[in-house]
Amino acid sequence: MTIQLLRQRLEQSKGMRLQVEKSLTLLTTEIIQSKRSLRRHEQAREIVREVGLKTQQQLQFHISDITSVALDAVFDDPYALQVEFVQRRNKTECDLYFVRNDEKTDPLSASGGGVVDVAAFALRIASWSMTKPRTMNVMILDEPFKHLKGANANQRVLNIINEISKKLKIQIIMVSDERISREDIVASAERVFEVSINNRKSKVEVI
């Protein structure tokens, strides 16, 4: 093998070495950038997780507090509403329970309908109050407390509706039958319309 051929091979080897060193430098840079990106993603994921937990805590307090206050204002031996966020099928879901004497109860299967009616109304108000921007401040309800028994409980519900309407500045239009005296209904509402049917014709009268 001649000296010239050896020199050619040596130059080729030097070129290959330089190429390998250049590739190694690029790979090292990419690894460093990937590690930085991974740290950023991990930090971002942790921030999202913390924000999610704080949001859930605020929702738990807001929803359970408003509903529990409403139940306490209507019933003599009230339930409290407990809100739990759980992971199912890689999604966060919300479970609602009624709690009394440290015992949890499924709201729809183990409590009276009147309790569910009041809780549903309070949840609707809580949901509306958290909406940003809020929708129009008018809420139309069709017999929302039709399962609620007792004149006292129904009178307390009317008092709650009045208080909520004034504090949140929301107009509540409600269709309801007479579960308390007409005088109490008139005294509790800003305006009352009585609808009757005569000869298949509806008649509306302001009381």
N, C-alpha and C. Protein backbone atom coordinates (compact mmCIF):
# COMPACT_ATOMS: atom_id res chain seq x y z
N MET A 1 0.85 -1.19 0.00
CA MET A 1 0.00 0.00 0.00
C MET A 1 0.89 1.25 0.00
N THR A 2 0.59 2.12 -0.90
CA THR A 2 1.43 3.30 -1.05
C THR A 2 1.10 4.35 0.01
N ILE A 3 2.06 5.27 0.18
CA ILE A 3 1.88 6.34 1.17
C ILE A 3 0.70 7.24 0.78
N GLN A 4 0.51 7.47 -0.52
CA GLN A 4 -0.58 8.31 -0.99
C GLN A 4 -1.93 7.71 -0.63
N LEU A 5 -2.07 6.40 -0.79
CA LEU A 5 -3.33 5.73 -0.46
C LEU A 5 -3.60 5.77 1.04
N LEU A 6 -2.53 5.64 1.83
CA LEU A 6 -2.68 5.73 3.27
C LEU A 6 -3.17 7.12 3.69
N ARG A 7 -2.61 8.14 3.01
CA ARG A 7 -3.03 9.50 3.32
C ARG A 7 -4.51 9.71 2.97
N GLN A 8 -4.93 9.15 1.84
CA GLN A 8 -6.34 9.28 1.45
C GLN A 8 -7.26 8.64 2.49
N ARG A 9 -6.87 7.45 2.94
CA ARG A 9 -7.69 6.76 3.94
C ARG A 9 -7.70 7.53 5.27
N LEU A 10 -6.54 8.10 5.60
CA LEU A 10 -6.46 8.87 6.82
C LEU A 10 -7.38 10.10 6.75
N GLU A 11 -7.38 10.76 5.58
CA GLU A 11 -8.25 11.92 5.43
C GLU A 11 -9.73 11.52 5.49
N GLN A 12 -10.03 10.35 4.88
CA GLN A 12 -11.40 9.85 4.94
C GLN A 12 -11.82 9.55 6.38
N SER A 13 -10.91 8.95 7.13
CA SER A 13 -11.20 8.64 8.53
C SER A 13 -11.41 9.91 9.34
N LYS A 14 -10.57 10.95 9.05
CA LYS A 14 -10.74 12.23 9.74
C LYS A 14 -12.12 12.84 9.42
N GLY A 15 -12.50 12.74 8.12
CA GLY A 15 -13.80 13.28 7.72
C GLY A 15 -14.95 12.55 8.42
N MET A 16 -14.85 11.22 8.50
CA MET A 16 -15.87 10.44 9.18
C MET A 16 -15.92 10.77 10.67
N ARG A 17 -14.75 11.00 11.25
CA ARG A 17 -14.69 11.34 12.67
C ARG A 17 -15.36 12.69 12.93
N LEU A 18 -15.05 13.65 12.06
CA LEU A 18 -15.67 14.96 12.20
C LEU A 18 -17.20 14.87 12.07
N GLN A 19 -17.66 14.04 11.13
CA GLN A 19 -19.09 13.87 10.94
C GLN A 19 -19.75 13.24 12.16
N VAL A 20 -19.05 12.23 12.72
CA VAL A 20 -19.57 11.58 13.93
C VAL A 20 -19.61 12.57 15.10
N GLU A 21 -18.53 13.36 15.24
CA GLU A 21 -18.47 14.35 16.32
C GLU A 21 -19.58 15.38 16.16
N LYS A 22 -19.84 15.80 14.91
CA LYS A 22 -20.90 16.76 14.65
C LYS A 22 -22.26 16.18 14.99
N SER A 23 -22.50 14.92 14.58
CA SER A 23 -23.76 14.25 14.89
C SER A 23 -23.93 14.08 16.40
N LEU A 24 -22.81 13.76 17.07
CA LEU A 24 -22.86 13.60 18.52
C LEU A 24 -23.22 14.92 19.20
N THR A 25 -22.65 16.00 18.71
CA THR A 25 -22.95 17.33 19.27
C THR A 25 -24.43 17.67 19.09
N LEU A 26 -24.95 17.39 17.88
CA LEU A 26 -26.36 17.66 17.61
C LEU A 26 -27.26 16.82 18.52
N LEU A 27 -26.92 15.54 18.67
CA LEU A 27 -27.71 14.67 19.53
C LEU A 27 -27.67 15.12 20.99
N THR A 28 -26.49 15.56 21.42
CA THR A 28 -26.35 16.05 22.80
C THR A 28 -27.22 17.28 23.02
N THR A 29 -27.22 18.20 22.03
CA THR A 29 -28.05 19.40 22.11
C THR A 29 -29.53 19.04 22.15
N GLU A 30 -29.92 18.06 21.30
CA GLU A 30 -31.32 17.64 21.28
C GLU A 30 -31.73 17.01 22.62
N ILE A 31 -30.83 16.24 23.20
CA ILE A 31 -31.12 15.60 24.49
C ILE A 31 -31.32 16.67 25.57
N ILE A 32 -30.44 17.67 25.56
CA ILE A 32 -30.55 18.76 26.54
C ILE A 32 -31.87 19.50 26.38
N GLN A 33 -32.23 19.81 25.11
CA GLN A 33 -33.49 20.51 24.85
C GLN A 33 -34.70 19.65 25.23
N SER A 34 -34.58 18.35 24.95
CA SER A 34 -35.68 17.44 25.30
C SER A 34 -35.86 17.37 26.81
N LYS A 35 -34.77 17.34 27.56
CA LYS A 35 -34.86 17.32 29.02
C LYS A 35 -35.50 18.60 29.54
N ARG A 36 -35.10 19.74 28.94
CA ARG A 36 -35.69 21.01 29.35
C ARG A 36 -37.19 21.02 29.05
N SER A 37 -37.55 20.54 27.84
CA SER A 37 -38.96 20.50 27.46
C SER A 37 -39.74 19.58 28.38
N LEU A 38 -39.13 18.43 28.74
CA LEU A 38 -39.79 17.50 29.65
C LEU A 38 -40.03 18.14 31.01
N ARG A 39 -39.04 18.88 31.50
CA ARG A 39 -39.20 19.55 32.80
C ARG A 39 -40.32 20.59 32.73
N ARG A 40 -40.37 21.33 31.60
CA ARG A 40 -41.42 22.33 31.44
C ARG A 40 -42.80 21.67 31.42
N HIS A 41 -42.91 20.56 30.68
CA HIS A 41 -44.19 19.85 30.62
C HIS A 41 -44.59 19.31 31.99
N GLU A 42 -43.62 18.78 32.71
CA GLU A 42 -43.91 18.27 34.05
C GLU A 42 -44.35 19.40 34.98
N GLN A 43 -43.69 20.55 34.87
CA GLN A 43 -44.07 21.70 35.69
C GLN A 43 -45.46 22.20 35.30
N ALA A 44 -45.72 22.25 33.97
CA ALA A 44 -47.04 22.69 33.50
C ALA A 44 -48.13 21.73 33.97
N ARG A 45 -47.84 20.42 33.89
CA ARG A 45 -48.82 19.43 34.33
C ARG A 45 -49.10 19.56 35.82
N GLU A 46 -48.06 19.85 36.59
CA GLU A 46 -48.24 20.03 38.03
C GLU A 46 -49.07 21.28 38.32
N ILE A 47 -48.83 22.34 37.55
CA ILE A 47 -49.62 23.57 37.72
C ILE A 47 -51.08 23.30 37.40
N VAL A 48 -51.32 22.59 36.27
CA VAL A 48 -52.69 22.25 35.88
C VAL A 48 -53.36 21.40 36.96
N ARG A 49 -52.60 20.45 37.52
CA ARG A 49 -53.15 19.58 38.56
C ARG A 49 -53.53 20.40 39.79
N GLU A 50 -52.64 21.33 40.21
CA GLU A 50 -52.91 22.15 41.38
C GLU A 50 -54.11 23.06 41.15
N VAL A 51 -54.17 23.66 39.95
CA VAL A 51 -55.31 24.53 39.62
C VAL A 51 -56.60 23.72 39.62
N GLY A 52 -56.53 22.50 39.05
CA GLY A 52 -57.70 21.63 39.03
C GLY A 52 -58.18 21.29 40.43
N LEU A 53 -57.24 20.97 41.33
CA LEU A 53 -57.60 20.63 42.70
C LEU A 53 -58.23 21.83 43.41
N LYS A 54 -57.64 23.01 43.23
CA LYS A 54 -58.19 24.21 43.87
C LYS A 54 -59.57 24.53 43.32
N THR A 55 -59.73 24.35 42.00
CA THR A 55 -61.04 24.59 41.40
C THR A 55 -62.07 23.62 41.95
N GLN A 56 -61.69 22.35 42.08
CA GLN A 56 -62.60 21.36 42.64
C GLN A 56 -62.97 21.72 44.07
N GLN A 57 -61.99 22.16 44.85
CA GLN A 57 -62.26 22.53 46.23
C GLN A 57 -63.23 23.71 46.31
N GLN A 58 -63.02 24.69 45.42
CA GLN A 58 -63.93 25.84 45.40
C GLN A 58 -65.33 25.42 44.98
N LEU A 59 -65.41 24.53 43.99
CA LEU A 59 -66.72 24.03 43.55
C LEU A 59 -67.40 23.25 44.67
N GLN A 60 -66.62 22.41 45.35
CA GLN A 60 -67.17 21.63 46.45
C GLN A 60 -67.76 22.56 47.51
N PHE A 61 -67.02 23.59 47.86
CA PHE A 61 -67.49 24.51 48.89
C PHE A 61 -68.70 25.28 48.40
N HIS A 62 -68.62 25.81 47.18
CA HIS A 62 -69.70 26.65 46.66
C HIS A 62 -71.00 25.87 46.52
N ILE A 63 -70.92 24.69 45.88
CA ILE A 63 -72.12 23.90 45.63
C ILE A 63 -72.70 23.35 46.93
N SER A 64 -71.85 22.73 47.73
CA SER A 64 -72.35 22.10 48.96
C SER A 64 -72.83 23.14 49.96
N ASP A 65 -72.16 24.29 50.02
CA ASP A 65 -72.54 25.32 50.99
C ASP A 65 -73.91 25.90 50.67
N ILE A 66 -74.12 26.30 49.41
CA ILE A 66 -75.40 26.90 49.03
C ILE A 66 -76.54 25.90 49.22
N THR A 67 -76.33 24.67 48.78
CA THR A 67 -77.39 23.66 48.87
C THR A 67 -77.68 23.29 50.32
N SER A 68 -76.63 23.13 51.12
CA SER A 68 -76.82 22.77 52.52
C SER A 68 -77.55 23.87 53.28
N VAL A 69 -77.24 25.13 52.97
CA VAL A 69 -77.93 26.25 53.60
C VAL A 69 -79.41 26.24 53.24
N ALA A 70 -79.72 25.96 51.97
CA ALA A 70 -81.12 25.90 51.54
C ALA A 70 -81.86 24.78 52.25
N LEU A 71 -81.26 23.61 52.33
CA LEU A 71 -81.90 22.48 53.02
C LEU A 71 -82.11 22.78 54.49
N ASP A 72 -81.14 23.44 55.11
CA ASP A 72 -81.24 23.78 56.52
C ASP A 72 -82.34 24.80 56.77
N ALA A 73 -82.57 25.67 55.79
CA ALA A 73 -83.59 26.71 55.95
C ALA A 73 -85.01 26.18 55.79
N VAL A 74 -85.16 25.02 55.14
CA VAL A 74 -86.49 24.49 54.84
C VAL A 74 -86.89 23.38 55.81
N PHE A 75 -85.95 22.51 56.16
CA PHE A 75 -86.28 21.31 56.94
C PHE A 75 -85.77 21.41 58.37
N ASP A 76 -86.52 20.81 59.28
CA ASP A 76 -86.15 20.83 60.69
C ASP A 76 -84.98 19.88 60.98
N ASP A 77 -84.91 18.76 60.27
CA ASP A 77 -83.81 17.81 60.44
C ASP A 77 -83.15 17.61 59.07
N PRO A 78 -82.39 18.59 58.63
CA PRO A 78 -81.96 18.60 57.22
C PRO A 78 -80.77 17.69 56.94
N TYR A 79 -80.68 17.31 55.67
CA TYR A 79 -79.46 16.71 55.16
C TYR A 79 -78.47 17.84 54.84
N ALA A 80 -77.20 17.47 54.73
CA ALA A 80 -76.19 18.35 54.14
C ALA A 80 -75.77 17.73 52.83
N LEU A 81 -75.41 18.54 51.87
CA LEU A 81 -74.98 18.02 50.58
C LEU A 81 -73.46 17.86 50.59
N GLN A 82 -73.01 16.69 50.18
CA GLN A 82 -71.57 16.43 50.07
C GLN A 82 -71.22 16.21 48.61
N VAL A 83 -70.17 16.89 48.15
CA VAL A 83 -69.73 16.81 46.76
C VAL A 83 -68.38 16.09 46.73
N GLU A 84 -68.27 15.07 45.89
CA GLU A 84 -67.02 14.33 45.75
C GLU A 84 -66.64 14.23 44.27
N PHE A 85 -65.39 14.56 43.97
CA PHE A 85 -64.88 14.43 42.61
C PHE A 85 -64.05 13.14 42.54
N VAL A 86 -64.38 12.30 41.56
CA VAL A 86 -63.71 11.01 41.41
C VAL A 86 -63.28 10.83 39.96
N GLN A 87 -62.25 9.99 39.77
CA GLN A 87 -61.75 9.69 38.43
C GLN A 87 -62.38 8.39 37.94
N ARG A 88 -63.06 8.46 36.81
CA ARG A 88 -63.63 7.28 36.18
C ARG A 88 -63.39 7.34 34.68
N ARG A 89 -62.87 6.28 34.12
CA ARG A 89 -62.61 6.22 32.67
C ARG A 89 -61.80 7.42 32.20
N ASN A 90 -60.75 7.74 33.02
CA ASN A 90 -59.84 8.84 32.70
C ASN A 90 -60.55 10.20 32.63
N LYS A 91 -61.69 10.31 33.31
CA LYS A 91 -62.43 11.56 33.36
C LYS A 91 -62.79 11.87 34.81
N THR A 92 -62.85 13.15 35.10
CA THR A 92 -63.27 13.58 36.44
C THR A 92 -64.79 13.71 36.48
N GLU A 93 -65.41 12.97 37.39
CA GLU A 93 -66.86 13.02 37.54
C GLU A 93 -67.21 13.49 38.95
N CYS A 94 -68.42 14.00 39.09
CA CYS A 94 -68.86 14.56 40.37
C CYS A 94 -69.98 13.71 40.95
N ASP A 95 -69.80 13.23 42.16
CA ASP A 95 -70.83 12.47 42.88
C ASP A 95 -71.44 13.35 43.96
N LEU A 96 -72.76 13.29 44.08
CA LEU A 96 -73.47 14.07 45.09
C LEU A 96 -74.11 13.12 46.10
N TYR A 97 -73.99 13.46 47.37
CA TYR A 97 -74.59 12.65 48.43
C TYR A 97 -75.28 13.56 49.43
N PHE A 98 -76.35 13.04 50.03
CA PHE A 98 -76.92 13.67 51.20
C PHE A 98 -76.28 13.04 52.43
N VAL A 99 -75.93 13.87 53.40
CA VAL A 99 -75.26 13.37 54.61
C VAL A 99 -76.04 13.81 55.83
N ARG A 100 -76.28 12.84 56.70
CA ARG A 100 -76.92 13.13 57.99
C ARG A 100 -76.37 12.15 59.01
N ASN A 101 -75.92 12.68 60.14
CA ASN A 101 -75.33 11.84 61.20
C ASN A 101 -74.19 10.97 60.65
N ASP A 102 -73.36 11.58 59.80
CA ASP A 102 -72.17 10.93 59.22
C ASP A 102 -72.52 9.76 58.30
N GLU A 103 -73.77 9.67 57.87
CA GLU A 103 -74.16 8.61 56.95
C GLU A 103 -74.52 9.22 55.59
N LYS A 104 -73.92 8.67 54.53
CA LYS A 104 -74.17 9.16 53.19
C LYS A 104 -75.38 8.45 52.57
N THR A 105 -76.18 9.22 51.84
CA THR A 105 -77.40 8.71 51.24
C THR A 105 -77.45 9.13 49.78
N ASP A 106 -77.87 8.21 48.92
CA ASP A 106 -78.08 8.54 47.51
C ASP A 106 -79.31 9.45 47.41
N PRO A 107 -79.17 10.66 46.91
CA PRO A 107 -80.30 11.61 46.92
C PRO A 107 -81.54 11.09 46.20
N LEU A 108 -81.38 10.38 45.10
CA LEU A 108 -82.53 10.00 44.30
C LEU A 108 -83.22 8.73 44.76
N SER A 109 -82.57 7.94 45.59
CA SER A 109 -83.17 6.66 45.95
C SER A 109 -83.51 6.52 47.43
N ALA A 110 -83.00 7.39 48.26
CA ALA A 110 -83.18 7.14 49.69
C ALA A 110 -83.64 8.36 50.47
N SER A 111 -84.24 9.32 49.81
CA SER A 111 -84.74 10.49 50.52
C SER A 111 -86.05 10.94 49.91
N GLY A 112 -86.80 11.72 50.66
CA GLY A 112 -88.08 12.20 50.18
C GLY A 112 -87.94 13.14 49.00
N GLY A 113 -88.97 13.17 48.16
CA GLY A 113 -88.91 13.99 46.97
C GLY A 113 -88.77 15.47 47.25
N GLY A 114 -89.36 15.92 48.36
CA GLY A 114 -89.26 17.33 48.69
C GLY A 114 -87.83 17.77 48.92
N VAL A 115 -87.03 16.91 49.51
CA VAL A 115 -85.62 17.22 49.74
C VAL A 115 -84.89 17.38 48.41
N VAL A 116 -85.17 16.47 47.49
CA VAL A 116 -84.55 16.53 46.17
C VAL A 116 -84.96 17.80 45.44
N ASP A 117 -86.23 18.18 45.57
CA ASP A 117 -86.71 19.41 44.92
C ASP A 117 -85.93 20.63 45.40
N VAL A 118 -85.78 20.75 46.71
CA VAL A 118 -85.08 21.91 47.27
C VAL A 118 -83.61 21.88 46.86
N ALA A 119 -82.98 20.69 46.92
CA ALA A 119 -81.57 20.58 46.54
C ALA A 119 -81.38 20.92 45.06
N ALA A 120 -82.30 20.45 44.21
CA ALA A 120 -82.20 20.72 42.78
C ALA A 120 -82.31 22.22 42.50
N PHE A 121 -83.21 22.89 43.21
CA PHE A 121 -83.34 24.34 43.05
C PHE A 121 -82.07 25.05 43.48
N ALA A 122 -81.52 24.66 44.63
CA ALA A 122 -80.30 25.29 45.12
C ALA A 122 -79.12 25.04 44.18
N LEU A 123 -79.03 23.83 43.62
CA LEU A 123 -77.96 23.53 42.67
C LEU A 123 -78.09 24.37 41.41
N ARG A 124 -79.33 24.59 41.00
CA ARG A 124 -79.57 25.43 39.81
C ARG A 124 -79.10 26.86 40.07
N ILE A 125 -79.39 27.37 41.25
CA ILE A 125 -78.96 28.72 41.61
C ILE A 125 -77.43 28.77 41.70
N ALA A 126 -76.83 27.76 42.32
CA ALA A 126 -75.36 27.73 42.44
C ALA A 126 -74.70 27.69 41.08
N SER A 127 -75.25 26.87 40.19
CA SER A 127 -74.70 26.76 38.84
C SER A 127 -74.80 28.08 38.10
N TRP A 128 -75.95 28.73 38.21
CA TRP A 128 -76.15 30.02 37.54
C TRP A 128 -75.19 31.08 38.09
N SER A 129 -75.00 31.08 39.40
CA SER A 129 -74.15 32.10 40.02
C SER A 129 -72.69 31.95 39.64
N MET A 130 -72.27 30.75 39.20
CA MET A 130 -70.88 30.52 38.80
C MET A 130 -70.64 30.75 37.31
N THR A 131 -71.72 30.97 36.55
CA THR A 131 -71.58 31.16 35.11
C THR A 131 -70.97 32.52 34.80
N LYS A 132 -69.94 32.53 33.96
CA LYS A 132 -69.29 33.78 33.55
C LYS A 132 -69.08 33.76 32.04
N PRO A 133 -69.62 34.74 31.31
CA PRO A 133 -70.56 35.75 31.82
C PRO A 133 -71.91 35.10 32.12
N ARG A 134 -72.62 35.67 33.05
CA ARG A 134 -73.91 35.11 33.45
C ARG A 134 -74.95 35.32 32.35
N THR A 135 -75.88 34.39 32.31
CA THR A 135 -76.99 34.52 31.38
C THR A 135 -77.96 35.58 31.91
N MET A 136 -79.06 35.78 31.21
CA MET A 136 -80.04 36.78 31.66
C MET A 136 -80.51 36.44 33.08
N ASN A 137 -80.73 37.48 33.87
CA ASN A 137 -81.09 37.27 35.27
C ASN A 137 -82.58 36.99 35.42
N VAL A 138 -83.06 36.02 34.65
CA VAL A 138 -84.44 35.57 34.74
C VAL A 138 -84.44 34.04 34.78
N MET A 139 -85.14 33.47 35.74
CA MET A 139 -85.23 32.02 35.84
C MET A 139 -86.70 31.62 35.87
N ILE A 140 -87.10 30.73 34.97
CA ILE A 140 -88.48 30.26 34.87
C ILE A 140 -88.56 28.83 35.40
N LEU A 141 -89.41 28.60 36.38
CA LEU A 141 -89.52 27.30 37.03
C LEU A 141 -90.95 26.79 36.94
N ASP A 142 -91.10 25.52 36.59
CA ASP A 142 -92.43 24.90 36.46
C ASP A 142 -92.63 23.92 37.61
N GLU A 143 -93.34 24.36 38.61
CA GLU A 143 -93.63 23.55 39.81
C GLU A 143 -92.36 22.88 40.35
N PRO A 144 -91.38 23.66 40.73
CA PRO A 144 -90.11 23.08 41.18
C PRO A 144 -90.20 22.36 42.52
N PHE A 145 -91.26 22.62 43.29
CA PHE A 145 -91.38 22.01 44.63
C PHE A 145 -92.66 21.18 44.74
N LYS A 146 -93.02 20.51 43.67
CA LYS A 146 -94.28 19.78 43.65
C LYS A 146 -94.30 18.58 44.60
N HIS A 147 -93.13 18.11 45.05
CA HIS A 147 -93.10 16.99 45.99
C HIS A 147 -92.91 17.44 47.44
N LEU A 148 -92.80 18.73 47.64
CA LEU A 148 -92.56 19.25 48.99
C LEU A 148 -93.87 19.29 49.76
N LYS A 149 -93.89 18.66 50.92
CA LYS A 149 -95.12 18.56 51.71
C LYS A 149 -95.06 19.51 52.91
N GLY A 150 -96.23 19.96 53.31
CA GLY A 150 -96.34 20.78 54.51
C GLY A 150 -96.35 22.26 54.21
N ALA A 151 -97.28 22.97 54.85
CA ALA A 151 -97.39 24.41 54.63
C ALA A 151 -96.16 25.15 55.13
N ASN A 152 -95.60 24.70 56.26
CA ASN A 152 -94.44 25.38 56.81
C ASN A 152 -93.24 25.30 55.86
N ALA A 153 -93.00 24.11 55.33
CA ALA A 153 -91.86 23.94 54.42
C ALA A 153 -92.06 24.76 53.15
N ASN A 154 -93.27 24.79 52.64
CA ASN A 154 -93.54 25.57 51.43
C ASN A 154 -93.43 27.08 51.69
N GLN A 155 -93.82 27.51 52.87
CA GLN A 155 -93.66 28.92 53.22
C GLN A 155 -92.18 29.28 53.32
N ARG A 156 -91.40 28.38 53.91
CA ARG A 156 -89.95 28.63 54.01
C ARG A 156 -89.30 28.70 52.64
N VAL A 157 -89.77 27.86 51.72
CA VAL A 157 -89.24 27.89 50.36
C VAL A 157 -89.50 29.25 49.70
N LEU A 158 -90.72 29.77 49.89
CA LEU A 158 -91.03 31.09 49.33
C LEU A 158 -90.14 32.17 49.92
N ASN A 159 -89.84 32.05 51.20
CA ASN A 159 -88.95 33.02 51.83
C ASN A 159 -87.54 32.95 51.23
N ILE A 160 -87.07 31.71 50.96
CA ILE A 160 -85.75 31.54 50.35
C ILE A 160 -85.72 32.14 48.95
N ILE A 161 -86.77 31.88 48.19
CA ILE A 161 -86.85 32.43 46.82
C ILE A 161 -86.78 33.95 46.86
N ASN A 162 -87.52 34.56 47.77
CA ASN A 162 -87.49 36.02 47.90
C ASN A 162 -86.09 36.53 48.23
N GLU A 163 -85.43 35.85 49.17
CA GLU A 163 -84.10 36.28 49.60
C GLU A 163 -83.09 36.14 48.47
N ILE A 164 -83.14 35.01 47.76
CA ILE A 164 -82.23 34.79 46.65
C ILE A 164 -82.47 35.80 45.54
N SER A 165 -83.74 36.05 45.26
CA SER A 165 -84.08 37.01 44.21
C SER A 165 -83.52 38.40 44.51
N LYS A 166 -83.59 38.81 45.76
CA LYS A 166 -83.10 40.14 46.14
C LYS A 166 -81.57 40.19 46.16
N LYS A 167 -80.95 39.17 46.74
CA LYS A 167 -79.49 39.21 46.88
C LYS A 167 -78.78 39.04 45.54
N LEU A 168 -79.28 38.16 44.69
CA LEU A 168 -78.63 37.92 43.40
C LEU A 168 -79.21 38.77 42.29
N LYS A 169 -80.24 39.55 42.61
CA LYS A 169 -80.91 40.40 41.61
C LYS A 169 -81.35 39.58 40.40
N ILE A 170 -82.04 38.49 40.71
CA ILE A 170 -82.54 37.60 39.67
C ILE A 170 -84.07 37.54 39.78
N GLN A 171 -84.73 37.61 38.64
CA GLN A 171 -86.20 37.52 38.61
C GLN A 171 -86.59 36.05 38.47
N ILE A 172 -87.43 35.58 39.36
CA ILE A 172 -87.86 34.19 39.34
C ILE A 172 -89.35 34.14 39.02
N ILE A 173 -89.67 33.50 37.91
CA ILE A 173 -91.06 33.31 37.49
C ILE A 173 -91.39 31.84 37.72
N MET A 174 -92.37 31.58 38.58
CA MET A 174 -92.61 30.20 39.00
C MET A 174 -94.08 29.83 38.85
N VAL A 175 -94.31 28.68 38.23
CA VAL A 175 -95.65 28.10 38.16
C VAL A 175 -95.81 27.19 39.38
N SER A 176 -96.90 27.37 40.12
CA SER A 176 -97.07 26.58 41.34
C SER A 176 -98.54 26.45 41.68
N ASP A 177 -98.87 25.36 42.38
CA ASP A 177 -100.23 25.22 42.89
C ASP A 177 -100.27 25.81 44.30
N GLU A 178 -101.42 25.84 44.90
CA GLU A 178 -101.59 26.47 46.21
C GLU A 178 -101.33 25.45 47.31
N ARG A 179 -100.12 25.50 47.87
CA ARG A 179 -99.77 24.62 48.99
C ARG A 179 -99.79 25.37 50.31
N ILE A 180 -99.90 26.67 50.23
CA ILE A 180 -100.09 27.50 51.41
C ILE A 180 -101.25 28.44 51.12
N SER A 181 -101.63 29.24 52.08
CA SER A 181 -102.78 30.11 51.88
C SER A 181 -102.51 31.12 50.77
N ARG A 182 -103.58 31.51 50.11
CA ARG A 182 -103.45 32.48 49.02
C ARG A 182 -102.89 33.81 49.55
N GLU A 183 -103.27 34.18 50.76
CA GLU A 183 -102.78 35.42 51.35
C GLU A 183 -101.26 35.39 51.50
N ASP A 184 -100.74 34.25 51.93
CA ASP A 184 -99.28 34.12 52.10
C ASP A 184 -98.57 34.15 50.75
N ILE A 185 -99.18 33.54 49.75
CA ILE A 185 -98.59 33.56 48.41
C ILE A 185 -98.52 34.99 47.89
N VAL A 186 -99.61 35.72 48.03
CA VAL A 186 -99.65 37.11 47.56
C VAL A 186 -98.63 37.96 48.32
N ALA A 187 -98.53 37.72 49.62
CA ALA A 187 -97.60 38.50 50.44
C ALA A 187 -96.14 38.19 50.09
N SER A 188 -95.87 36.98 49.60
CA SER A 188 -94.49 36.57 49.33
C SER A 188 -94.01 36.94 47.93
N ALA A 189 -94.93 37.18 47.02
CA ALA A 189 -94.56 37.43 45.62
C ALA A 189 -94.79 38.90 45.26
N GLU A 190 -94.02 39.37 44.30
CA GLU A 190 -94.23 40.73 43.82
C GLU A 190 -95.53 40.83 43.02
N ARG A 191 -95.82 39.77 42.26
CA ARG A 191 -97.05 39.77 41.47
C ARG A 191 -97.51 38.33 41.30
N VAL A 192 -98.81 38.10 41.40
CA VAL A 192 -99.37 36.76 41.29
C VAL A 192 -100.43 36.77 40.19
N PHE A 193 -100.34 35.80 39.29
CA PHE A 193 -101.35 35.62 38.25
C PHE A 193 -102.05 34.29 38.49
N GLU A 194 -103.35 34.33 38.58
CA GLU A 194 -104.14 33.11 38.75
C GLU A 194 -104.70 32.69 37.38
N VAL A 195 -104.43 31.45 37.01
CA VAL A 195 -104.88 30.92 35.72
C VAL A 195 -105.97 29.88 35.99
N SER A 196 -107.12 30.07 35.38
CA SER A 196 -108.22 29.11 35.51
C SER A 196 -108.75 28.78 34.12
N ILE A 197 -109.51 27.70 34.04
CA ILE A 197 -110.08 27.27 32.76
C ILE A 197 -111.60 27.24 32.90
N ASN A 198 -112.28 27.89 31.97
CA ASN A 198 -113.73 27.92 31.96
C ASN A 198 -114.19 27.72 30.52
N ASN A 199 -114.99 26.66 30.32
CA ASN A 199 -115.45 26.33 28.97
C ASN A 199 -114.29 26.19 27.99
N ARG A 200 -113.26 25.49 28.48
CA ARG A 200 -112.07 25.21 27.66
C ARG A 200 -111.29 26.45 27.27
N LYS A 201 -111.52 27.53 28.00
CA LYS A 201 -110.77 28.75 27.76
C LYS A 201 -110.01 29.15 29.01
N SER A 202 -108.76 29.52 28.80
CA SER A 202 -107.93 29.93 29.93
C SER A 202 -108.24 31.38 30.30
N LYS A 203 -108.31 31.60 31.60
CA LYS A 203 -108.55 32.95 32.10
C LYS A 203 -107.42 33.30 33.04
N VAL A 204 -106.79 34.46 32.82
CA VAL A 204 -105.68 34.92 33.64
C VAL A 204 -106.14 36.16 34.41
N GLU A 205 -105.95 36.11 35.72
CA GLU A 205 -106.36 37.21 36.58
C GLU A 205 -105.22 37.60 37.50
N VAL A 206 -104.96 38.89 37.62
CA VAL A 206 -103.93 39.38 38.54
C VAL A 206 -104.54 39.48 39.92
N ILE A 207 -103.91 38.82 40.87
CA ILE A 207 -104.40 38.84 42.27
C ILE A 207 -103.74 39.96 43.04
